[in-house]
Amino acid sequence: MRSLCLYLYISASVITFLVYLVDKSAARNRRWRIPERTLHVLGVAGGWPGALIAQRMLRHKSSKRSFQLIFWITVVVNCCGLAWLLSPSGSKLLHILP
């Protein structure tokens, strides 16, 4: 289970990093942007490490306070969900799912 979580986080992080990269390019070239809601959904789905790396490396969405507030809330929500899934009660739920 734990190795599956690791692979899911790595995959989600790579995808999220790439989405931030596309959005940064769109911002520079004044093209259609990826909605912030999409960026937050990717983060809460486990891509927040990739989002954090993208924010630092690309300097994208790192200074917008309203975005950062919601971003860190999604990180906390994701971490709480992961902690619950790795707990005994969360593990029971995972074992009964097909």
PDB file of N, CA and C in Angstrom:
ATOM      1  N   MET A   1       0.823  -1.196   0.000  1.00  0.00           N
ATOM      2  CA  MET A   1       0.000   0.000   0.000  1.00  0.00           C
ATOM      3  C   MET A   1       0.863   1.254   0.000  1.00  0.00           C
ATOM      4  N   ARG A   2       1.889   1.244   0.831  1.00  0.00           N
ATOM      5  CA  ARG A   2       2.734   2.437   0.938  1.00  0.00           C
ATOM      6  C   ARG A   2       3.519   2.704  -0.337  1.00  0.00           C
ATOM      7  N   SER A   3       3.978   1.640  -0.989  1.00  0.00           N
ATOM      8  CA  SER A   3       4.698   1.860  -2.249  1.00  0.00           C
ATOM      9  C   SER A   3       3.744   2.344  -3.338  1.00  0.00           C
ATOM     10  N   LEU A   4       2.497   1.873  -3.319  1.00  0.00           N
ATOM     11  CA  LEU A   4       1.498   2.361  -4.264  1.00  0.00           C
ATOM     12  C   LEU A   4       1.260   3.852  -4.046  1.00  0.00           C
ATOM     13  N   CYS A   5       1.150   4.259  -2.798  1.00  0.00           N
ATOM     14  CA  CYS A   5       0.977   5.689  -2.487  1.00  0.00           C
ATOM     15  C   CYS A   5       2.157   6.501  -3.007  1.00  0.00           C
ATOM     16  N   LEU A   6       3.346   5.986  -2.824  1.00  0.00           N
ATOM     17  CA  LEU A   6       4.540   6.691  -3.295  1.00  0.00           C
ATOM     18  C   LEU A   6       4.495   6.871  -4.813  1.00  0.00           C
ATOM     19  N   TYR A   7       4.154   5.820  -5.532  1.00  0.00           N
ATOM     20  CA  TYR A   7       4.069   5.914  -6.995  1.00  0.00           C
ATOM     21  C   TYR A   7       2.974   6.880  -7.422  1.00  0.00           C
ATOM     22  N   LEU A   8       1.847   6.869  -6.717  1.00  0.00           N
ATOM     23  CA  LEU A   8       0.760   7.788  -7.050  1.00  0.00           C
ATOM     24  C   LEU A   8       1.176   9.240  -6.809  1.00  0.00           C
ATOM     25  N   TYR A   9       1.861   9.495  -5.704  1.00  0.00           N
ATOM     26  CA  TYR A   9       2.325  10.854  -5.412  1.00  0.00           C
ATOM     27  C   TYR A   9       3.364  11.315  -6.438  1.00  0.00           C
ATOM     28  N   ILE A  10       4.260  10.432  -6.810  1.00  0.00           N
ATOM     29  CA  ILE A  10       5.273  10.800  -7.805  1.00  0.00           C
ATOM     30  C   ILE A  10       4.606  11.102  -9.141  1.00  0.00           C
ATOM     31  N   SER A  11       3.687  10.237  -9.561  1.00  0.00           N
ATOM     32  CA  SER A  11       2.986  10.450 -10.840  1.00  0.00           C
ATOM     33  C   SER A  11       2.176  11.738 -10.821  1.00  0.00           C
ATOM     34  N   ALA A  12       1.408  11.936  -9.747  1.00  0.00           N
ATOM     35  CA  ALA A  12       0.597  13.152  -9.641  1.00  0.00           C
ATOM     36  C   ALA A  12       1.480  14.394  -9.599  1.00  0.00           C
ATOM     37  N   SER A  13       2.623  14.291  -8.954  1.00  0.00           N
ATOM     38  CA  SER A  13       3.532  15.438  -8.861  1.00  0.00           C
ATOM     39  C   SER A  13       4.147  15.789 -10.206  1.00  0.00           C
ATOM     40  N   VAL A  14       4.525  14.783 -10.970  1.00  0.00           N
ATOM     41  CA  VAL A  14       5.092  15.044 -12.302  1.00  0.00           C
ATOM     42  C   VAL A  14       4.042  15.695 -13.192  1.00  0.00           C
ATOM     43  N   ILE A  15       2.824  15.145 -13.179  1.00  0.00           N
ATOM     44  CA  ILE A  15       1.738  15.718 -13.986  1.00  0.00           C
ATOM     45  C   ILE A  15       1.463  17.154 -13.560  1.00  0.00           C
ATOM     46  N   THR A  16       1.395  17.385 -12.253  1.00  0.00           N
ATOM     47  CA  THR A  16       1.107  18.725 -11.746  1.00  0.00           C
ATOM     48  C   THR A  16       2.214  19.702 -12.114  1.00  0.00           C
ATOM     49  N   PHE A  17       3.457  19.276 -12.000  1.00  0.00           N
ATOM     50  CA  PHE A  17       4.574  20.136 -12.390  1.00  0.00           C
ATOM     51  C   PHE A  17       4.435  20.535 -13.860  1.00  0.00           C
ATOM     52  N   LEU A  18       4.117  19.566 -14.715  1.00  0.00           N
ATOM     53  CA  LEU A  18       3.968  19.851 -16.144  1.00  0.00           C
ATOM     54  C   LEU A  18       2.811  20.807 -16.417  1.00  0.00           C
ATOM     55  N   VAL A  19       1.729  20.659 -15.672  1.00  0.00           N
ATOM     56  CA  VAL A  19       0.586  21.564 -15.841  1.00  0.00           C
ATOM     57  C   VAL A  19       0.976  22.983 -15.432  1.00  0.00           C
ATOM     58  N   TYR A  20       1.716  23.124 -14.337  1.00  0.00           N
ATOM     59  CA  TYR A  20       2.213  24.448 -13.932  1.00  0.00           C
ATOM     60  C   TYR A  20       3.129  25.020 -15.016  1.00  0.00           C
ATOM     61  N   LEU A  21       3.955  24.175 -15.608  1.00  0.00           N
ATOM     62  CA  LEU A  21       4.859  24.620 -16.662  1.00  0.00           C
ATOM     63  C   LEU A  21       4.073  25.145 -17.863  1.00  0.00           C
ATOM     64  N   VAL A  22       3.028  24.430 -18.254  1.00  0.00           N
ATOM     65  CA  VAL A  22       2.180  24.874 -19.363  1.00  0.00           C
ATOM     66  C   VAL A  22       1.500  26.190 -19.014  1.00  0.00           C
ATOM     67  N   ASP A  23       1.007  26.308 -17.779  1.00  0.00           N
ATOM     68  CA  ASP A  23       0.329  27.540 -17.373  1.00  0.00           C
ATOM     69  C   ASP A  23       1.295  28.714 -17.327  1.00  0.00           C
ATOM     70  N   LYS A  24       2.506  28.475 -16.878  1.00  0.00           N
ATOM     71  CA  LYS A  24       3.515  29.543 -16.854  1.00  0.00           C
ATOM     72  C   LYS A  24       3.827  30.004 -18.274  1.00  0.00           C
ATOM     73  N   SER A  25       3.958  29.058 -19.184  1.00  0.00           N
ATOM     74  CA  SER A  25       4.206  29.411 -20.575  1.00  0.00           C
ATOM     75  C   SER A  25       3.029  30.203 -21.154  1.00  0.00           C
ATOM     76  N   ALA A  26       1.823  29.785 -20.833  1.00  0.00           N
ATOM     77  CA  ALA A  26       0.637  30.507 -21.311  1.00  0.00           C
ATOM     78  C   ALA A  26       0.598  31.923 -20.751  1.00  0.00           C
ATOM     79  N   ALA A  27       0.986  32.081 -19.499  1.00  0.00           N
ATOM     80  CA  ALA A  27       0.996  33.415 -18.884  1.00  0.00           C
ATOM     81  C   ALA A  27       2.000  34.322 -19.584  1.00  0.00           C
ATOM     82  N   ARG A  28       3.160  33.773 -19.902  1.00  0.00           N
ATOM     83  CA  ARG A  28       4.188  34.578 -20.584  1.00  0.00           C
ATOM     84  C   ARG A  28       3.766  34.982 -21.993  1.00  0.00           C
ATOM     85  N   ASN A  29       3.036  34.091 -22.648  1.00  0.00           N
ATOM     86  CA  ASN A  29       2.659  34.319 -24.049  1.00  0.00           C
ATOM     87  C   ASN A  29       1.232  34.829 -24.211  1.00  0.00           C
ATOM     88  N   ARG A  30       0.621  35.215 -23.110  1.00  0.00           N
ATOM     89  CA  ARG A  30      -0.742  35.778 -23.121  1.00  0.00           C
ATOM     90  C   ARG A  30      -1.735  34.884 -23.862  1.00  0.00           C
ATOM     91  N   ARG A  31      -1.674  33.592 -23.525  1.00  0.00           N
ATOM     92  CA  ARG A  31      -2.607  32.615 -24.083  1.00  0.00           C
ATOM     93  C   ARG A  31      -3.576  32.162 -22.999  1.00  0.00           C
ATOM     94  N   TRP A  32      -4.486  31.264 -23.404  1.00  0.00           N
ATOM     95  CA  TRP A  32      -5.473  30.722 -22.477  1.00  0.00           C
ATOM     96  C   TRP A  32      -4.762  30.078 -21.310  1.00  0.00           C
ATOM     97  N   ARG A  33      -5.233  30.387 -20.094  1.00  0.00           N
ATOM     98  CA  ARG A  33      -4.606  29.899 -18.868  1.00  0.00           C
ATOM     99  C   ARG A  33      -5.368  28.727 -18.283  1.00  0.00           C
ATOM    100  N   ILE A  34      -4.688  27.925 -17.534  1.00  0.00           N
ATOM    101  CA  ILE A  34      -5.309  26.819 -16.811  1.00  0.00           C
ATOM    102  C   ILE A  34      -5.978  27.409 -15.572  1.00  0.00           C
ATOM    103  N   PRO A  35      -7.249  27.078 -15.341  1.00  0.00           N
ATOM    104  CA  PRO A  35      -7.936  27.644 -14.173  1.00  0.00           C
ATOM    105  C   PRO A  35      -7.242  27.268 -12.859  1.00  0.00           C
ATOM    106  N   GLU A  36      -7.234  28.208 -11.925  1.00  0.00           N
ATOM    107  CA  GLU A  36      -6.627  27.943 -10.623  1.00  0.00           C
ATOM    108  C   GLU A  36      -7.286  26.755  -9.939  1.00  0.00           C
ATOM    109  N   ARG A  37      -8.578  26.602 -10.149  1.00  0.00           N
ATOM    110  CA  ARG A  37      -9.288  25.466  -9.557  1.00  0.00           C
ATOM    111  C   ARG A  37      -8.654  24.147  -9.985  1.00  0.00           C
ATOM    112  N   THR A  38      -8.256  24.052 -11.241  1.00  0.00           N
ATOM    113  CA  THR A  38      -7.615  22.838 -11.747  1.00  0.00           C
ATOM    114  C   THR A  38      -6.288  22.602 -11.039  1.00  0.00           C
ATOM    115  N   LEU A  39      -5.526  23.659 -10.852  1.00  0.00           N
ATOM    116  CA  LEU A  39      -4.248  23.538 -10.156  1.00  0.00           C
ATOM    117  C   LEU A  39      -4.462  23.055  -8.724  1.00  0.00           C
ATOM    118  N   HIS A  40      -5.500  23.562  -8.069  1.00  0.00           N
ATOM    119  CA  HIS A  40      -5.788  23.134  -6.695  1.00  0.00           C
ATOM    120  C   HIS A  40      -6.271  21.692  -6.638  1.00  0.00           C
ATOM    121  N   VAL A  41      -7.086  21.283  -7.595  1.00  0.00           N
ATOM    122  CA  VAL A  41      -7.561  19.894  -7.622  1.00  0.00           C
ATOM    123  C   VAL A  41      -6.381  18.943  -7.802  1.00  0.00           C
ATOM    124  N   LEU A  42      -5.464  19.291  -8.678  1.00  0.00           N
ATOM    125  CA  LEU A  42      -4.275  18.456  -8.858  1.00  0.00           C
ATOM    126  C   LEU A  42      -3.459  18.375  -7.575  1.00  0.00           C
ATOM    127  N   GLY A  43      -3.363  19.487  -6.866  1.00  0.00           N
ATOM    128  CA  GLY A  43      -2.619  19.499  -5.610  1.00  0.00           C
ATOM    129  C   GLY A  43      -3.252  18.630  -4.546  1.00  0.00           C
ATOM    130  N   VAL A  44      -4.554  18.752  -4.375  1.00  0.00           N
ATOM    131  CA  VAL A  44      -5.236  17.978  -3.337  1.00  0.00           C
ATOM    132  C   VAL A  44      -5.277  16.497  -3.711  1.00  0.00           C
ATOM    133  N   ALA A  45      -5.164  16.184  -4.998  1.00  0.00           N
ATOM    134  CA  ALA A  45      -5.162  14.791  -5.451  1.00  0.00           C
ATOM    135  C   ALA A  45      -3.795  14.121  -5.269  1.00  0.00           C
ATOM    136  N   GLY A  46      -2.863  14.819  -4.694  1.00  0.00           N
ATOM    137  CA  GLY A  46      -1.549  14.234  -4.421  1.00  0.00           C
ATOM    138  C   GLY A  46      -0.414  14.875  -5.183  1.00  0.00           C
ATOM    139  N   GLY A  47      -0.718  15.847  -6.026  1.00  0.00           N
ATOM    140  CA  GLY A  47       0.326  16.490  -6.815  1.00  0.00           C
ATOM    141  C   GLY A  47       0.950  17.702  -6.167  1.00  0.00           C
ATOM    142  N   TRP A  48       0.621  17.942  -4.898  1.00  0.00           N
ATOM    143  CA  TRP A  48       1.140  19.152  -4.258  1.00  0.00           C
ATOM    144  C   TRP A  48       2.671  19.200  -4.170  1.00  0.00           C
ATOM    145  N   PRO A  49       3.387  18.064  -4.015  1.00  0.00           N
ATOM    146  CA  PRO A  49       4.852  18.208  -4.023  1.00  0.00           C
ATOM    147  C   PRO A  49       5.368  18.757  -5.363  1.00  0.00           C
ATOM    148  N   GLY A  50       4.776  18.285  -6.467  1.00  0.00           N
ATOM    149  CA  GLY A  50       5.161  18.810  -7.781  1.00  0.00           C
ATOM    150  C   GLY A  50       4.779  20.267  -7.940  1.00  0.00           C
ATOM    151  N   ALA A  51       3.624  20.629  -7.371  1.00  0.00           N
ATOM    152  CA  ALA A  51       3.190  22.025  -7.422  1.00  0.00           C
ATOM    153  C   ALA A  51       4.159  22.909  -6.638  1.00  0.00           C
ATOM    154  N   LEU A  52       4.578  22.436  -5.488  1.00  0.00           N
ATOM    155  CA  LEU A  52       5.506  23.210  -4.665  1.00  0.00           C
ATOM    156  C   LEU A  52       6.842  23.397  -5.377  1.00  0.00           C
ATOM    157  N   ILE A  53       7.326  22.339  -6.009  1.00  0.00           N
ATOM    158  CA  ILE A  53       8.577  22.431  -6.770  1.00  0.00           C
ATOM    159  C   ILE A  53       8.408  23.408  -7.934  1.00  0.00           C
ATOM    160  N   ALA A  54       7.282  23.315  -8.635  1.00  0.00           N
ATOM    161  CA  ALA A  54       7.033  24.221  -9.765  1.00  0.00           C
ATOM    162  C   ALA A  54       6.953  25.667  -9.297  1.00  0.00           C
ATOM    163  N   GLN A  55       6.296  25.900  -8.174  1.00  0.00           N
ATOM    164  CA  GLN A  55       6.187  27.266  -7.659  1.00  0.00           C
ATOM    165  C   GLN A  55       7.569  27.843  -7.371  1.00  0.00           C
ATOM    166  N   ARG A  56       8.442  27.014  -6.837  1.00  0.00           N
ATOM    167  CA  ARG A  56       9.780  27.496  -6.497  1.00  0.00           C
ATOM    168  C   ARG A  56      10.667  27.633  -7.741  1.00  0.00           C
ATOM    169  N   MET A  57      10.685  26.602  -8.574  1.00  0.00           N
ATOM    170  CA  MET A  57      11.576  26.613  -9.740  1.00  0.00           C
ATOM    171  C   MET A  57      11.123  27.590 -10.819  1.00  0.00           C
ATOM    172  N   LEU A  58       9.821  27.641 -11.056  1.00  0.00           N
ATOM    173  CA  LEU A  58       9.293  28.470 -12.140  1.00  0.00           C
ATOM    174  C   LEU A  58       8.856  29.856 -11.672  1.00  0.00           C
ATOM    175  N   ARG A  59       8.845  30.033 -10.358  1.00  0.00           N
ATOM    176  CA  ARG A  59       8.312  31.271  -9.766  1.00  0.00           C
ATOM    177  C   ARG A  59       6.903  31.543 -10.272  1.00  0.00           C
ATOM    178  N   HIS A  60       6.103  30.485 -10.232  1.00  0.00           N
ATOM    179  CA  HIS A  60       4.744  30.584 -10.750  1.00  0.00           C
ATOM    180  C   HIS A  60       3.745  30.371  -9.614  1.00  0.00           C
ATOM    181  N   LYS A  61       2.850  31.329  -9.445  1.00  0.00           N
ATOM    182  CA  LYS A  61       1.803  31.299  -8.416  1.00  0.00           C
ATOM    183  C   LYS A  61       2.392  31.332  -7.002  1.00  0.00           C
ATOM    184  N   SER A  62       3.627  31.761  -6.885  1.00  0.00           N
ATOM    185  CA  SER A  62       4.277  31.744  -5.572  1.00  0.00           C
ATOM    186  C   SER A  62       4.078  33.033  -4.781  1.00  0.00           C
ATOM    187  N   SER A  63       3.657  34.100  -5.423  1.00  0.00           N
ATOM    188  CA  SER A  63       3.493  35.357  -4.690  1.00  0.00           C
ATOM    189  C   SER A  63       2.042  35.803  -4.585  1.00  0.00           C
ATOM    190  N   LYS A  64       1.137  35.105  -5.222  1.00  0.00           N
ATOM    191  CA  LYS A  64      -0.282  35.453  -5.154  1.00  0.00           C
ATOM    192  C   LYS A  64      -0.849  34.888  -3.850  1.00  0.00           C
ATOM    193  N   ARG A  65      -1.120  35.759  -2.893  1.00  0.00           N
ATOM    194  CA  ARG A  65      -1.507  35.333  -1.543  1.00  0.00           C
ATOM    195  C   ARG A  65      -2.772  34.487  -1.510  1.00  0.00           C
ATOM    196  N   SER A  66      -3.789  34.881  -2.278  1.00  0.00           N
ATOM    197  CA  SER A  66      -5.045  34.117  -2.249  1.00  0.00           C
ATOM    198  C   SER A  66      -4.827  32.700  -2.769  1.00  0.00           C
ATOM    199  N   PHE A  67      -3.997  32.560  -3.790  1.00  0.00           N
ATOM    200  CA  PHE A  67      -3.693  31.233  -4.318  1.00  0.00           C
ATOM    201  C   PHE A  67      -2.919  30.423  -3.288  1.00  0.00           C
ATOM    202  N   GLN A  68      -1.932  31.054  -2.668  1.00  0.00           N
ATOM    203  CA  GLN A  68      -1.105  30.354  -1.681  1.00  0.00           C
ATOM    204  C   GLN A  68      -1.920  29.871  -0.483  1.00  0.00           C
ATOM    205  N   LEU A  69      -2.862  30.682  -0.037  1.00  0.00           N
ATOM    206  CA  LEU A  69      -3.706  30.279   1.092  1.00  0.00           C
ATOM    207  C   LEU A  69      -4.473  29.007   0.753  1.00  0.00           C
ATOM    208  N   ILE A  70      -5.117  28.993  -0.393  1.00  0.00           N
ATOM    209  CA  ILE A  70      -5.880  27.806  -0.786  1.00  0.00           C
ATOM    210  C   ILE A  70      -4.938  26.634  -1.047  1.00  0.00           C
ATOM    211  N   PHE A  71      -3.790  26.902  -1.649  1.00  0.00           N
ATOM    212  CA  PHE A  71      -2.818  25.837  -1.901  1.00  0.00           C
ATOM    213  C   PHE A  71      -2.433  25.133  -0.604  1.00  0.00           C
ATOM    214  N   TRP A  72      -2.089  25.885   0.433  1.00  0.00           N
ATOM    215  CA  TRP A  72      -1.658  25.263   1.683  1.00  0.00           C
ATOM    216  C   TRP A  72      -2.810  24.557   2.394  1.00  0.00           C
ATOM    217  N   ILE A  73      -4.019  25.032   2.197  1.00  0.00           N
ATOM    218  CA  ILE A  73      -5.181  24.305   2.735  1.00  0.00           C
ATOM    219  C   ILE A  73      -5.298  22.955   2.029  1.00  0.00           C
ATOM    220  N   THR A  74      -5.092  22.934   0.711  1.00  0.00           N
ATOM    221  CA  THR A  74      -5.169  21.660  -0.017  1.00  0.00           C
ATOM    222  C   THR A  74      -4.062  20.703   0.429  1.00  0.00           C
ATOM    223  N   VAL A  75      -2.896  21.228   0.754  1.00  0.00           N
ATOM    224  CA  VAL A  75      -1.805  20.380   1.248  1.00  0.00           C
ATOM    225  C   VAL A  75      -2.219  19.728   2.566  1.00  0.00           C
ATOM    226  N   VAL A  76      -2.772  20.513   3.465  1.00  0.00           N
ATOM    227  CA  VAL A  76      -3.202  19.980   4.760  1.00  0.00           C
ATOM    228  C   VAL A  76      -4.303  18.935   4.574  1.00  0.00           C
ATOM    229  N   VAL A  77      -5.280  19.236   3.716  1.00  0.00           N
ATOM    230  CA  VAL A  77      -6.365  18.287   3.451  1.00  0.00           C
ATOM    231  C   VAL A  77      -5.805  16.988   2.891  1.00  0.00           C
ATOM    232  N   ASN A  78      -4.891  17.086   1.940  1.00  0.00           N
ATOM    233  CA  ASN A  78      -4.308  15.892   1.348  1.00  0.00           C
ATOM    234  C   ASN A  78      -3.532  15.081   2.387  1.00  0.00           C
ATOM    235  N   CYS A  79      -2.738  15.744   3.193  1.00  0.00           N
ATOM    236  CA  CYS A  79      -1.941  15.042   4.202  1.00  0.00           C
ATOM    237  C   CYS A  79      -2.825  14.373   5.254  1.00  0.00           C
ATOM    238  N   CYS A  80      -3.904  15.042   5.635  1.00  0.00           N
ATOM    239  CA  CYS A  80      -4.846  14.438   6.590  1.00  0.00           C
ATOM    240  C   CYS A  80      -5.514  13.214   5.974  1.00  0.00           C
ATOM    241  N   GLY A  81      -5.902  13.316   4.713  1.00  0.00           N
ATOM    242  CA  GLY A  81      -6.500  12.174   4.032  1.00  0.00           C
ATOM    243  C   GLY A  81      -5.539  11.009   3.919  1.00  0.00           C
ATOM    244  N   LEU A  82      -4.295  11.288   3.595  1.00  0.00           N
ATOM    245  CA  LEU A  82      -3.288  10.239   3.508  1.00  0.00           C
ATOM    246  C   LEU A  82      -3.052   9.599   4.866  1.00  0.00           C
ATOM    247  N   ALA A  83      -2.952  10.414   5.902  1.00  0.00           N
ATOM    248  CA  ALA A  83      -2.752   9.872   7.247  1.00  0.00           C
ATOM    249  C   ALA A  83      -3.910   8.952   7.630  1.00  0.00           C
ATOM    250  N   TRP A  84      -5.124   9.354   7.286  1.00  0.00           N
ATOM    251  CA  TRP A  84      -6.277   8.513   7.602  1.00  0.00           C
ATOM    252  C   TRP A  84      -6.229   7.210   6.810  1.00  0.00           C
ATOM    253  N   LEU A  85      -5.889   7.285   5.509  1.00  0.00           N
ATOM    254  CA  LEU A  85      -5.820   6.064   4.702  1.00  0.00           C
ATOM    255  C   LEU A  85      -4.769   5.091   5.215  1.00  0.00           C
ATOM    256  N   LEU A  86      -3.708   5.618   5.784  1.00  0.00           N
ATOM    257  CA  LEU A  86      -2.654   4.758   6.318  1.00  0.00           C
ATOM    258  C   LEU A  86      -2.940   4.296   7.739  1.00  0.00           C
ATOM    259  N   SER A  87      -3.997   4.821   8.349  1.00  0.00           N
ATOM    260  CA  SER A  87      -4.382   4.403   9.706  1.00  0.00           C
ATOM    261  C   SER A  87      -5.116   3.067   9.624  1.00  0.00           C
ATOM    262  N   PRO A  88      -5.290   2.392  10.763  1.00  0.00           N
ATOM    263  CA  PRO A  88      -6.013   1.115  10.757  1.00  0.00           C
ATOM    264  C   PRO A  88      -7.429   1.214  10.179  1.00  0.00           C
ATOM    265  N   SER A  89      -8.178   2.267  10.516  1.00  0.00           N
ATOM    266  CA  SER A  89      -9.545   2.371  10.001  1.00  0.00           C
ATOM    267  C   SER A  89      -9.551   2.676   8.501  1.00  0.00           C
ATOM    268  N   GLY A  90      -8.655   3.493   8.037  1.00  0.00           N
ATOM    269  CA  GLY A  90      -8.563   3.776   6.608  1.00  0.00           C
ATOM    270  C   GLY A  90      -8.103   2.561   5.819  1.00  0.00           C
ATOM    271  N   SER A  91      -7.181   1.785   6.394  1.00  0.00           N
ATOM    272  CA  SER A  91      -6.708   0.568   5.733  1.00  0.00           C
ATOM    273  C   SER A  91      -7.825  -0.441   5.577  1.00  0.00           C
ATOM    274  N   LYS A  92      -8.714  -0.526   6.565  1.00  0.00           N
ATOM    275  CA  LYS A  92      -9.851  -1.457   6.467  1.00  0.00           C
ATOM    276  C   LYS A  92     -10.717  -1.099   5.272  1.00  0.00           C
ATOM    277  N   LEU A  93     -10.961   0.194   5.085  1.00  0.00           N
ATOM    278  CA  LEU A  93     -11.786   0.645   3.960  1.00  0.00           C
ATOM    279  C   LEU A  93     -11.128   0.267   2.639  1.00  0.00           C
ATOM    280  N   LEU A  94      -9.828   0.439   2.543  1.00  0.00           N
ATOM    281  CA  LEU A  94      -9.121   0.115   1.298  1.00  0.00           C
ATOM    282  C   LEU A  94      -9.183  -1.367   0.981  1.00  0.00           C
ATOM    283  N   HIS A  95      -9.212  -2.206   2.004  1.00  0.00           N
ATOM    284  CA  HIS A  95      -9.240  -3.647   1.780  1.00  0.00           C
ATOM    285  C   HIS A  95     -10.606  -4.143   1.320  1.00  0.00           C
ATOM    286  N   ILE A  96     -11.675  -3.409   1.627  1.00  0.00           N
ATOM    287  CA  ILE A  96     -12.989  -3.867   1.186  1.00  0.00           C
ATOM    288  C   ILE A  96     -13.391  -3.298  -0.158  1.00  0.00           C
ATOM    289  N   LEU A  97     -12.659  -2.306  -0.634  1.00  0.00           N
ATOM    290  CA  LEU A  97     -12.939  -1.749  -1.956  1.00  0.00           C
ATOM    291  C   LEU A  97     -12.421  -2.707  -3.027  1.00  0.00           C
ATOM    292  N   PRO A  98     -13.138  -2.806  -4.140  1.00  0.00           N
ATOM    293  CA  PRO A  98     -12.690  -3.725  -5.200  1.00  0.00           C
ATOM    294  C   PRO A  98     -11.414  -3.262  -5.854  1.00  0.00           C
TER     295      PRO A  98
END
